[in-house]
Amino acid sequence: YAETRMRTFQSSEYMLVYAPFIWG
Protein backbone atom coordinates (compact mmCIF):
# COMPACT_ATOMS: atom_id res chain seq x y z
CA TYR A 1 0.00 0.00 0.00
CA ALA A 2 0.86 3.66 -0.33
CA GLU A 3 -0.44 6.35 2.00
CA THR A 4 0.09 10.07 2.09
CA ARG A 5 -1.10 12.89 4.30
CA MET A 6 -0.95 16.66 4.58
CA ARG A 7 -1.92 18.19 7.89
CA THR A 8 -1.87 21.39 9.86
CA PHE A 9 -3.03 22.33 13.36
CA GLN A 10 -6.61 22.57 12.09
CA SER A 11 -6.89 20.33 9.03
CA SER A 12 -5.85 16.89 7.84
CA GLU A 13 -6.10 15.26 4.41
CA TYR A 14 -5.22 11.56 4.24
CA MET A 15 -5.29 9.02 1.41
CA LEU A 16 -4.48 5.30 1.42
CA VAL A 17 -4.40 3.06 -1.67
CA TYR A 18 -4.10 -0.67 -0.89
CA ALA A 19 -3.58 -3.52 -3.39
CA PRO A 20 -3.78 -6.74 -1.35
CA PHE A 21 -2.76 -9.33 -3.96
CA ILE A 22 -3.50 -8.58 -7.64
CA TRP A 23 -3.41 -5.63 -10.08
CA GLY A 24 -3.71 -2.16 -8.52
mmCIF file of all heavy atoms, coordinates in Angstrom:
data_MODEL
# 
_entry.id   MODEL 
# 
loop_
_atom_site.group_PDB 
_atom_site.id 
_atom_site.type_symbol 
_atom_site.label_atom_id 
_atom_site.label_alt_id 
_atom_site.label_comp_id 
_atom_site.label_asym_id 
_atom_site.label_entity_id 
_atom_site.label_seq_id 
_atom_site.pdbx_PDB_ins_code 
_atom_site.Cartn_x 
_atom_site.Cartn_y 
_atom_site.Cartn_z 
_atom_site.occupancy 
_atom_site.B_iso_or_equiv 
_atom_site.pdbx_formal_charge 
_atom_site.auth_seq_id 
_atom_site.auth_comp_id 
_atom_site.auth_asym_id 
_atom_site.auth_atom_id 
_atom_site.pdbx_PDB_model_num 
ATOM 1   N N   . TYR A 1 1  ? 0.829   -1.197  0.000   1.00 0.00 ? 1  TYR A N   1 
ATOM 2   C CA  . TYR A 1 1  ? 0.000   0.000   0.000   1.00 0.00 ? 1  TYR A CA  1 
ATOM 3   C C   . TYR A 1 1  ? 0.864   1.247   0.000   1.00 0.00 ? 1  TYR A C   1 
ATOM 4   O O   . TYR A 1 1  ? 2.062   1.217   0.302   1.00 0.00 ? 1  TYR A O   1 
ATOM 5   C CB  . TYR A 1 1  ? -0.945  0.014   1.202   1.00 0.00 ? 1  TYR A CB  1 
ATOM 6   C CG  . TYR A 1 1  ? -0.275  0.032   2.565   1.00 0.00 ? 1  TYR A CG  1 
ATOM 7   C CD1 . TYR A 1 1  ? 0.120   1.227   3.154   1.00 0.00 ? 1  TYR A CD1 1 
ATOM 8   C CD2 . TYR A 1 1  ? -0.060  -1.148  3.266   1.00 0.00 ? 1  TYR A CD2 1 
ATOM 9   C CE1 . TYR A 1 1  ? 0.717   1.240   4.401   1.00 0.00 ? 1  TYR A CE1 1 
ATOM 10  C CE2 . TYR A 1 1  ? 0.536   -1.143  4.517   1.00 0.00 ? 1  TYR A CE2 1 
ATOM 11  C CZ  . TYR A 1 1  ? 0.918   0.061   5.081   1.00 0.00 ? 1  TYR A CZ  1 
ATOM 12  O OH  . TYR A 1 1  ? 1.516   0.064   6.321   1.00 0.00 ? 1  TYR A OH  1 
ATOM 13  N N   . ALA A 1 2  ? 0.242   2.343   -0.379  1.00 0.00 ? 2  ALA A N   1 
ATOM 14  C CA  . ALA A 1 2  ? 0.860   3.660   -0.332  1.00 0.00 ? 2  ALA A CA  1 
ATOM 15  C C   . ALA A 1 2  ? -0.114  4.585   0.382   1.00 0.00 ? 2  ALA A C   1 
ATOM 16  O O   . ALA A 1 2  ? -1.318  4.540   0.129   1.00 0.00 ? 2  ALA A O   1 
ATOM 17  C CB  . ALA A 1 2  ? 1.157   4.171   -1.735  1.00 0.00 ? 2  ALA A CB  1 
ATOM 18  N N   . GLU A 1 3  ? 0.406   5.401   1.273   1.00 0.00 ? 3  GLU A N   1 
ATOM 19  C CA  . GLU A 1 3  ? -0.439  6.350   1.999   1.00 0.00 ? 3  GLU A CA  1 
ATOM 20  C C   . GLU A 1 3  ? 0.276   7.688   2.096   1.00 0.00 ? 3  GLU A C   1 
ATOM 21  O O   . GLU A 1 3  ? 1.505   7.755   2.208   1.00 0.00 ? 3  GLU A O   1 
ATOM 22  C CB  . GLU A 1 3  ? -0.777  5.827   3.402   1.00 0.00 ? 3  GLU A CB  1 
ATOM 23  C CG  . GLU A 1 3  ? 0.438   5.594   4.272   1.00 0.00 ? 3  GLU A CG  1 
ATOM 24  C CD  . GLU A 1 3  ? 0.094   5.059   5.649   1.00 0.00 ? 3  GLU A CD  1 
ATOM 25  O OE1 . GLU A 1 3  ? -1.076  5.162   6.056   1.00 0.00 ? 3  GLU A OE1 1 
ATOM 26  O OE2 . GLU A 1 3  ? 1.010   4.557   6.319   1.00 0.00 ? 3  GLU A OE2 1 
ATOM 27  N N   . THR A 1 4  ? -0.498  8.740   2.017   1.00 0.00 ? 4  THR A N   1 
ATOM 28  C CA  . THR A 1 4  ? 0.088   10.071  2.093   1.00 0.00 ? 4  THR A CA  1 
ATOM 29  C C   . THR A 1 4  ? -0.873  11.004  2.804   1.00 0.00 ? 4  THR A C   1 
ATOM 30  O O   . THR A 1 4  ? -2.095  10.813  2.760   1.00 0.00 ? 4  THR A O   1 
ATOM 31  C CB  . THR A 1 4  ? 0.444   10.586  0.680   1.00 0.00 ? 4  THR A CB  1 
ATOM 32  O OG1 . THR A 1 4  ? 1.161   11.801  0.773   1.00 0.00 ? 4  THR A OG1 1 
ATOM 33  C CG2 . THR A 1 4  ? -0.792  10.770  -0.177  1.00 0.00 ? 4  THR A CG2 1 
ATOM 34  N N   . ARG A 1 5  ? -0.291  12.004  3.475   1.00 0.00 ? 5  ARG A N   1 
ATOM 35  C CA  . ARG A 1 5  ? -1.105  12.890  4.304   1.00 0.00 ? 5  ARG A CA  1 
ATOM 36  C C   . ARG A 1 5  ? -0.494  14.291  4.317   1.00 0.00 ? 5  ARG A C   1 
ATOM 37  O O   . ARG A 1 5  ? 0.728   14.453  4.324   1.00 0.00 ? 5  ARG A O   1 
ATOM 38  C CB  . ARG A 1 5  ? -1.154  12.346  5.737   1.00 0.00 ? 5  ARG A CB  1 
ATOM 39  C CG  . ARG A 1 5  ? -2.025  13.156  6.701   1.00 0.00 ? 5  ARG A CG  1 
ATOM 40  C CD  . ARG A 1 5  ? -1.599  12.959  8.152   1.00 0.00 ? 5  ARG A CD  1 
ATOM 41  N NE  . ARG A 1 5  ? -1.594  11.586  8.578   1.00 0.00 ? 5  ARG A NE  1 
ATOM 42  C CZ  . ARG A 1 5  ? -2.559  11.010  9.288   1.00 0.00 ? 5  ARG A CZ  1 
ATOM 43  N NH1 . ARG A 1 5  ? -3.630  11.704  9.622   1.00 0.00 ? 5  ARG A NH1 1 
ATOM 44  N NH2 . ARG A 1 5  ? -2.449  9.756   9.663   1.00 0.00 ? 5  ARG A NH2 1 
ATOM 45  N N   . MET A 1 6  ? -1.358  15.287  4.320   1.00 0.00 ? 6  MET A N   1 
ATOM 46  C CA  . MET A 1 6  ? -0.948  16.662  4.576   1.00 0.00 ? 6  MET A CA  1 
ATOM 47  C C   . MET A 1 6  ? -1.790  17.178  5.728   1.00 0.00 ? 6  MET A C   1 
ATOM 48  O O   . MET A 1 6  ? -3.016  17.088  5.684   1.00 0.00 ? 6  MET A O   1 
ATOM 49  C CB  . MET A 1 6  ? -1.151  17.528  3.329   1.00 0.00 ? 6  MET A CB  1 
ATOM 50  C CG  . MET A 1 6  ? -0.744  18.980  3.521   1.00 0.00 ? 6  MET A CG  1 
ATOM 51  S SD  . MET A 1 6  ? 1.024   19.239  3.805   1.00 0.00 ? 6  MET A SD  1 
ATOM 52  C CE  . MET A 1 6  ? 1.668   18.869  2.164   1.00 0.00 ? 6  MET A CE  1 
ATOM 53  N N   . ARG A 1 7  ? -1.142  17.738  6.745   1.00 0.00 ? 7  ARG A N   1 
ATOM 54  C CA  . ARG A 1 7  ? -1.920  18.187  7.888   1.00 0.00 ? 7  ARG A CA  1 
ATOM 55  C C   . ARG A 1 7  ? -1.343  19.462  8.490   1.00 0.00 ? 7  ARG A C   1 
ATOM 56  O O   . ARG A 1 7  ? -0.157  19.749  8.386   1.00 0.00 ? 7  ARG A O   1 
ATOM 57  C CB  . ARG A 1 7  ? -2.014  17.091  8.939   1.00 0.00 ? 7  ARG A CB  1 
ATOM 58  C CG  . ARG A 1 7  ? -0.698  16.502  9.396   1.00 0.00 ? 7  ARG A CG  1 
ATOM 59  C CD  . ARG A 1 7  ? -0.943  15.383  10.384  1.00 0.00 ? 7  ARG A CD  1 
ATOM 60  N NE  . ARG A 1 7  ? 0.216   14.548  10.559  1.00 0.00 ? 7  ARG A NE  1 
ATOM 61  C CZ  . ARG A 1 7  ? 0.274   13.551  11.439  1.00 0.00 ? 7  ARG A CZ  1 
ATOM 62  N NH1 . ARG A 1 7  ? -0.741  13.290  12.201  1.00 0.00 ? 7  ARG A NH1 1 
ATOM 63  N NH2 . ARG A 1 7  ? 1.365   12.809  11.526  1.00 0.00 ? 7  ARG A NH2 1 
ATOM 64  N N   . THR A 1 8  ? -2.234  20.201  9.127   1.00 0.00 ? 8  THR A N   1 
ATOM 65  C CA  . THR A 1 8  ? -1.869  21.393  9.863   1.00 0.00 ? 8  THR A CA  1 
ATOM 66  C C   . THR A 1 8  ? -2.472  21.262  11.254  1.00 0.00 ? 8  THR A C   1 
ATOM 67  O O   . THR A 1 8  ? -3.008  20.209  11.621  1.00 0.00 ? 8  THR A O   1 
ATOM 68  C CB  . THR A 1 8  ? -2.425  22.654  9.174   1.00 0.00 ? 8  THR A CB  1 
ATOM 69  O OG1 . THR A 1 8  ? -3.857  22.639  9.253   1.00 0.00 ? 8  THR A OG1 1 
ATOM 70  C CG2 . THR A 1 8  ? -1.996  22.720  7.715   1.00 0.00 ? 8  THR A CG2 1 
ATOM 71  N N   . PHE A 1 9  ? -2.426  22.346  12.024  1.00 0.00 ? 9  PHE A N   1 
ATOM 72  C CA  . PHE A 1 9  ? -3.026  22.329  13.356  1.00 0.00 ? 9  PHE A CA  1 
ATOM 73  C C   . PHE A 1 9  ? -4.535  22.121  13.276  1.00 0.00 ? 9  PHE A C   1 
ATOM 74  O O   . PHE A 1 9  ? -5.141  21.517  14.157  1.00 0.00 ? 9  PHE A O   1 
ATOM 75  C CB  . PHE A 1 9  ? -2.714  23.650  14.072  1.00 0.00 ? 9  PHE A CB  1 
ATOM 76  C CG  . PHE A 1 9  ? -3.270  23.753  15.460  1.00 0.00 ? 9  PHE A CG  1 
ATOM 77  C CD1 . PHE A 1 9  ? -2.700  23.045  16.502  1.00 0.00 ? 9  PHE A CD1 1 
ATOM 78  C CD2 . PHE A 1 9  ? -4.360  24.568  15.732  1.00 0.00 ? 9  PHE A CD2 1 
ATOM 79  C CE1 . PHE A 1 9  ? -3.207  23.138  17.789  1.00 0.00 ? 9  PHE A CE1 1 
ATOM 80  C CE2 . PHE A 1 9  ? -4.874  24.675  17.013  1.00 0.00 ? 9  PHE A CE2 1 
ATOM 81  C CZ  . PHE A 1 9  ? -4.292  23.959  18.039  1.00 0.00 ? 9  PHE A CZ  1 
ATOM 82  N N   . GLN A 1 10 ? -5.153  22.585  12.189  1.00 0.00 ? 10 GLN A N   1 
ATOM 83  C CA  . GLN A 1 10 ? -6.614  22.573  12.088  1.00 0.00 ? 10 GLN A CA  1 
ATOM 84  C C   . GLN A 1 10 ? -7.157  21.559  11.094  1.00 0.00 ? 10 GLN A C   1 
ATOM 85  O O   . GLN A 1 10 ? -8.296  21.120  11.211  1.00 0.00 ? 10 GLN A O   1 
ATOM 86  C CB  . GLN A 1 10 ? -7.111  23.974  11.693  1.00 0.00 ? 10 GLN A CB  1 
ATOM 87  C CG  . GLN A 1 10 ? -8.622  24.151  11.819  1.00 0.00 ? 10 GLN A CG  1 
ATOM 88  C CD  . GLN A 1 10 ? -9.072  25.521  11.364  1.00 0.00 ? 10 GLN A CD  1 
ATOM 89  O OE1 . GLN A 1 10 ? -8.566  26.051  10.384  1.00 0.00 ? 10 GLN A OE1 1 
ATOM 90  N NE2 . GLN A 1 10 ? -10.027 26.104  12.076  1.00 0.00 ? 10 GLN A NE2 1 
ATOM 91  N N   . SER A 1 11 ? -6.375  21.174  10.106  1.00 0.00 ? 11 SER A N   1 
ATOM 92  C CA  . SER A 1 11 ? -6.892  20.330  9.026   1.00 0.00 ? 11 SER A CA  1 
ATOM 93  C C   . SER A 1 11 ? -6.002  19.114  8.792   1.00 0.00 ? 11 SER A C   1 
ATOM 94  O O   . SER A 1 11 ? -4.819  19.130  9.114   1.00 0.00 ? 11 SER A O   1 
ATOM 95  C CB  . SER A 1 11 ? -6.995  21.129  7.720   1.00 0.00 ? 11 SER A CB  1 
ATOM 96  O OG  . SER A 1 11 ? -7.787  22.272  7.882   1.00 0.00 ? 11 SER A OG  1 
ATOM 97  N N   . SER A 1 12 ? -6.602  18.083  8.201   1.00 0.00 ? 12 SER A N   1 
ATOM 98  C CA  . SER A 1 12 ? -5.846  16.887  7.844   1.00 0.00 ? 12 SER A CA  1 
ATOM 99  C C   . SER A 1 12 ? -6.480  16.249  6.620   1.00 0.00 ? 12 SER A C   1 
ATOM 100 O O   . SER A 1 12 ? -7.704  16.043  6.584   1.00 0.00 ? 12 SER A O   1 
ATOM 101 C CB  . SER A 1 12 ? -5.829  15.880  9.004   1.00 0.00 ? 12 SER A CB  1 
ATOM 102 O OG  . SER A 1 12 ? -5.167  14.691  8.629   1.00 0.00 ? 12 SER A OG  1 
ATOM 103 N N   . GLU A 1 13 ? -5.655  15.958  5.605   1.00 0.00 ? 13 GLU A N   1 
ATOM 104 C CA  . GLU A 1 13 ? -6.102  15.261  4.405   1.00 0.00 ? 13 GLU A CA  1 
ATOM 105 C C   . GLU A 1 13 ? -5.254  14.005  4.256   1.00 0.00 ? 13 GLU A C   1 
ATOM 106 O O   . GLU A 1 13 ? -4.032  14.076  4.167   1.00 0.00 ? 13 GLU A O   1 
ATOM 107 C CB  . GLU A 1 13 ? -5.948  16.153  3.169   1.00 0.00 ? 13 GLU A CB  1 
ATOM 108 C CG  . GLU A 1 13 ? -6.769  17.429  3.218   1.00 0.00 ? 13 GLU A CG  1 
ATOM 109 C CD  . GLU A 1 13 ? -8.257  17.176  3.211   1.00 0.00 ? 13 GLU A CD  1 
ATOM 110 O OE1 . GLU A 1 13 ? -8.701  16.254  2.479   1.00 0.00 ? 13 GLU A OE1 1 
ATOM 111 O OE2 . GLU A 1 13 ? -8.993  17.889  3.930   1.00 0.00 ? 13 GLU A OE2 1 
ATOM 112 N N   . TYR A 1 14 ? -5.910  12.850  4.232   1.00 0.00 ? 14 TYR A N   1 
ATOM 113 C CA  . TYR A 1 14 ? -5.215  11.558  4.235   1.00 0.00 ? 14 TYR A CA  1 
ATOM 114 C C   . TYR A 1 14 ? -5.765  10.686  3.123   1.00 0.00 ? 14 TYR A C   1 
ATOM 115 O O   . TYR A 1 14 ? -6.981  10.637  2.888   1.00 0.00 ? 14 TYR A O   1 
ATOM 116 C CB  . TYR A 1 14 ? -5.418  10.874  5.585   1.00 0.00 ? 14 TYR A CB  1 
ATOM 117 C CG  . TYR A 1 14 ? -4.914  9.448   5.665   1.00 0.00 ? 14 TYR A CG  1 
ATOM 118 C CD1 . TYR A 1 14 ? -3.614  9.170   6.053   1.00 0.00 ? 14 TYR A CD1 1 
ATOM 119 C CD2 . TYR A 1 14 ? -5.765  8.377   5.376   1.00 0.00 ? 14 TYR A CD2 1 
ATOM 120 C CE1 . TYR A 1 14 ? -3.158  7.855   6.143   1.00 0.00 ? 14 TYR A CE1 1 
ATOM 121 C CE2 . TYR A 1 14 ? -5.313  7.066   5.463   1.00 0.00 ? 14 TYR A CE2 1 
ATOM 122 C CZ  . TYR A 1 14 ? -4.008  6.809   5.850   1.00 0.00 ? 14 TYR A CZ  1 
ATOM 123 O OH  . TYR A 1 14 ? -3.555  5.521   5.944   1.00 0.00 ? 14 TYR A OH  1 
ATOM 124 N N   . MET A 1 15 ? -4.873  9.965   2.441   1.00 0.00 ? 15 MET A N   1 
ATOM 125 C CA  . MET A 1 15 ? -5.289  9.018   1.407   1.00 0.00 ? 15 MET A CA  1 
ATOM 126 C C   . MET A 1 15 ? -4.443  7.753   1.477   1.00 0.00 ? 15 MET A C   1 
ATOM 127 O O   . MET A 1 15 ? -3.215  7.821   1.562   1.00 0.00 ? 15 MET A O   1 
ATOM 128 C CB  . MET A 1 15 ? -5.178  9.627   0.012   1.00 0.00 ? 15 MET A CB  1 
ATOM 129 C CG  . MET A 1 15 ? -5.615  8.667   -1.100  1.00 0.00 ? 15 MET A CG  1 
ATOM 130 S SD  . MET A 1 15 ? -5.905  9.492   -2.696  1.00 0.00 ? 15 MET A SD  1 
ATOM 131 C CE  . MET A 1 15 ? -4.252  10.013  -3.104  1.00 0.00 ? 15 MET A CE  1 
ATOM 132 N N   . LEU A 1 16 ? -5.116  6.613   1.445   1.00 0.00 ? 16 LEU A N   1 
ATOM 133 C CA  . LEU A 1 16 ? -4.484  5.301   1.422   1.00 0.00 ? 16 LEU A CA  1 
ATOM 134 C C   . LEU A 1 16 ? -4.977  4.550   0.194   1.00 0.00 ? 16 LEU A C   1 
ATOM 135 O O   . LEU A 1 16 ? -6.182  4.514   -0.081  1.00 0.00 ? 16 LEU A O   1 
ATOM 136 C CB  . LEU A 1 16 ? -4.849  4.509   2.680   1.00 0.00 ? 16 LEU A CB  1 
ATOM 137 C CG  . LEU A 1 16 ? -4.559  3.001   2.668   1.00 0.00 ? 16 LEU A CG  1 
ATOM 138 C CD1 . LEU A 1 16 ? -3.070  2.746   2.865   1.00 0.00 ? 16 LEU A CD1 1 
ATOM 139 C CD2 . LEU A 1 16 ? -5.377  2.278   3.730   1.00 0.00 ? 16 LEU A CD2 1 
ATOM 140 N N   . VAL A 1 17 ? -4.056  3.957   -0.567  1.00 0.00 ? 17 VAL A N   1 
ATOM 141 C CA  . VAL A 1 17 ? -4.398  3.061   -1.674  1.00 0.00 ? 17 VAL A CA  1 
ATOM 142 C C   . VAL A 1 17 ? -3.747  1.716   -1.379  1.00 0.00 ? 17 VAL A C   1 
ATOM 143 O O   . VAL A 1 17 ? -2.529  1.638   -1.203  1.00 0.00 ? 17 VAL A O   1 
ATOM 144 C CB  . VAL A 1 17 ? -3.924  3.618   -3.028  1.00 0.00 ? 17 VAL A CB  1 
ATOM 145 C CG1 . VAL A 1 17 ? -4.186  2.603   -4.134  1.00 0.00 ? 17 VAL A CG1 1 
ATOM 146 C CG2 . VAL A 1 17 ? -4.635  4.931   -3.346  1.00 0.00 ? 17 VAL A CG2 1 
ATOM 147 N N   . TYR A 1 18 ? -4.554  0.662   -1.321  1.00 0.00 ? 18 TYR A N   1 
ATOM 148 C CA  . TYR A 1 18 ? -4.100  -0.666  -0.890  1.00 0.00 ? 18 TYR A CA  1 
ATOM 149 C C   . TYR A 1 18 ? -4.419  -1.676  -1.982  1.00 0.00 ? 18 TYR A C   1 
ATOM 150 O O   . TYR A 1 18 ? -5.561  -1.808  -2.414  1.00 0.00 ? 18 TYR A O   1 
ATOM 151 C CB  . TYR A 1 18 ? -4.823  -1.047  0.403   1.00 0.00 ? 18 TYR A CB  1 
ATOM 152 C CG  . TYR A 1 18 ? -4.134  -2.093  1.260   1.00 0.00 ? 18 TYR A CG  1 
ATOM 153 C CD1 . TYR A 1 18 ? -3.920  -1.868  2.614   1.00 0.00 ? 18 TYR A CD1 1 
ATOM 154 C CD2 . TYR A 1 18 ? -3.716  -3.310  0.731   1.00 0.00 ? 18 TYR A CD2 1 
ATOM 155 C CE1 . TYR A 1 18 ? -3.300  -2.818  3.418   1.00 0.00 ? 18 TYR A CE1 1 
ATOM 156 C CE2 . TYR A 1 18 ? -3.104  -4.266  1.522   1.00 0.00 ? 18 TYR A CE2 1 
ATOM 157 C CZ  . TYR A 1 18 ? -2.896  -4.013  2.858   1.00 0.00 ? 18 TYR A CZ  1 
ATOM 158 O OH  . TYR A 1 18 ? -2.286  -4.960  3.653   1.00 0.00 ? 18 TYR A OH  1 
ATOM 159 N N   . ALA A 1 19 ? -3.399  -2.408  -2.441  1.00 0.00 ? 19 ALA A N   1 
ATOM 160 C CA  . ALA A 1 19 ? -3.580  -3.517  -3.388  1.00 0.00 ? 19 ALA A CA  1 
ATOM 161 C C   . ALA A 1 19 ? -3.170  -4.797  -2.672  1.00 0.00 ? 19 ALA A C   1 
ATOM 162 O O   . ALA A 1 19 ? -1.984  -5.080  -2.528  1.00 0.00 ? 19 ALA A O   1 
ATOM 163 C CB  . ALA A 1 19 ? -2.736  -3.314  -4.641  1.00 0.00 ? 19 ALA A CB  1 
ATOM 164 N N   . PRO A 1 20 ? -4.119  -5.594  -2.195  1.00 0.00 ? 20 PRO A N   1 
ATOM 165 C CA  . PRO A 1 20 ? -3.778  -6.744  -1.351  1.00 0.00 ? 20 PRO A CA  1 
ATOM 166 C C   . PRO A 1 20 ? -3.040  -7.873  -2.063  1.00 0.00 ? 20 PRO A C   1 
ATOM 167 O O   . PRO A 1 20 ? -2.174  -8.514  -1.472  1.00 0.00 ? 20 PRO A O   1 
ATOM 168 C CB  . PRO A 1 20 ? -5.149  -7.233  -0.847  1.00 0.00 ? 20 PRO A CB  1 
ATOM 169 C CG  . PRO A 1 20 ? -6.082  -6.103  -1.051  1.00 0.00 ? 20 PRO A CG  1 
ATOM 170 C CD  . PRO A 1 20 ? -5.572  -5.392  -2.263  1.00 0.00 ? 20 PRO A CD  1 
ATOM 171 N N   . PHE A 1 21 ? -3.398  -8.143  -3.361  1.00 0.00 ? 21 PHE A N   1 
ATOM 172 C CA  . PHE A 1 21 ? -2.762  -9.332  -3.957  1.00 0.00 ? 21 PHE A CA  1 
ATOM 173 C C   . PHE A 1 21 ? -2.728  -9.340  -5.482  1.00 0.00 ? 21 PHE A C   1 
ATOM 174 O O   . PHE A 1 21 ? -1.989  -10.123 -6.078  1.00 0.00 ? 21 PHE A O   1 
ATOM 175 C CB  . PHE A 1 21 ? -3.464  -10.607 -3.465  1.00 0.00 ? 21 PHE A CB  1 
ATOM 176 C CG  . PHE A 1 21 ? -4.774  -10.888 -4.147  1.00 0.00 ? 21 PHE A CG  1 
ATOM 177 C CD1 . PHE A 1 21 ? -4.876  -11.866 -5.122  1.00 0.00 ? 21 PHE A CD1 1 
ATOM 178 C CD2 . PHE A 1 21 ? -5.908  -10.158 -3.817  1.00 0.00 ? 21 PHE A CD2 1 
ATOM 179 C CE1 . PHE A 1 21 ? -6.082  -12.118 -5.755  1.00 0.00 ? 21 PHE A CE1 1 
ATOM 180 C CE2 . PHE A 1 21 ? -7.112  -10.406 -4.432  1.00 0.00 ? 21 PHE A CE2 1 
ATOM 181 C CZ  . PHE A 1 21 ? -7.203  -11.385 -5.409  1.00 0.00 ? 21 PHE A CZ  1 
ATOM 182 N N   . ILE A 1 22 ? -3.503  -8.508  -6.183  1.00 0.00 ? 22 ILE A N   1 
ATOM 183 C CA  . ILE A 1 22 ? -3.505  -8.580  -7.643  1.00 0.00 ? 22 ILE A CA  1 
ATOM 184 C C   . ILE A 1 22 ? -3.873  -7.218  -8.230  1.00 0.00 ? 22 ILE A C   1 
ATOM 185 O O   . ILE A 1 22 ? -4.697  -6.489  -7.684  1.00 0.00 ? 22 ILE A O   1 
ATOM 186 C CB  . ILE A 1 22 ? -4.501  -9.660  -8.149  1.00 0.00 ? 22 ILE A CB  1 
ATOM 187 C CG1 . ILE A 1 22 ? -4.343  -9.872  -9.667  1.00 0.00 ? 22 ILE A CG1 1 
ATOM 188 C CG2 . ILE A 1 22 ? -5.927  -9.318  -7.808  1.00 0.00 ? 22 ILE A CG2 1 
ATOM 189 C CD1 . ILE A 1 22 ? -5.189  -11.021 -10.201 1.00 0.00 ? 22 ILE A CD1 1 
ATOM 190 N N   . TRP A 1 23 ? -3.206  -6.874  -9.362  1.00 0.00 ? 23 TRP A N   1 
ATOM 191 C CA  . TRP A 1 23 ? -3.415  -5.626  -10.082 1.00 0.00 ? 23 TRP A CA  1 
ATOM 192 C C   . TRP A 1 23 ? -3.258  -4.445  -9.131  1.00 0.00 ? 23 TRP A C   1 
ATOM 193 O O   . TRP A 1 23 ? -2.462  -4.515  -8.197  1.00 0.00 ? 23 TRP A O   1 
ATOM 194 C CB  . TRP A 1 23 ? -4.766  -5.633  -10.781 1.00 0.00 ? 23 TRP A CB  1 
ATOM 195 C CG  . TRP A 1 23 ? -4.956  -4.537  -11.818 1.00 0.00 ? 23 TRP A CG  1 
ATOM 196 C CD1 . TRP A 1 23 ? -6.102  -3.824  -12.036 1.00 0.00 ? 23 TRP A CD1 1 
ATOM 197 C CD2 . TRP A 1 23 ? -4.014  -4.034  -12.781 1.00 0.00 ? 23 TRP A CD2 1 
ATOM 198 N NE1 . TRP A 1 23 ? -5.934  -2.917  -13.060 1.00 0.00 ? 23 TRP A NE1 1 
ATOM 199 C CE2 . TRP A 1 23 ? -4.653  -3.021  -13.536 1.00 0.00 ? 23 TRP A CE2 1 
ATOM 200 C CE3 . TRP A 1 23 ? -2.676  -4.329  -13.052 1.00 0.00 ? 23 TRP A CE3 1 
ATOM 201 C CZ2 . TRP A 1 23 ? -4.032  -2.308  -14.557 1.00 0.00 ? 23 TRP A CZ2 1 
ATOM 202 C CZ3 . TRP A 1 23 ? -2.037  -3.623  -14.075 1.00 0.00 ? 23 TRP A CZ3 1 
ATOM 203 C CH2 . TRP A 1 23 ? -2.713  -2.624  -14.819 1.00 0.00 ? 23 TRP A CH2 1 
ATOM 204 N N   . GLY A 1 24 ? -3.966  -3.317  -9.359  1.00 0.00 ? 24 GLY A N   1 
ATOM 205 C CA  . GLY A 1 24 ? -3.712  -2.162  -8.518  1.00 0.00 ? 24 GLY A CA  1 
ATOM 206 C C   . GLY A 1 24 ? -4.657  -1.014  -8.788  1.00 0.00 ? 24 GLY A C   1 
ATOM 207 O O   . GLY A 1 24 ? -5.659  -1.138  -9.508  1.00 0.00 ? 24 GLY A O   1 
# 
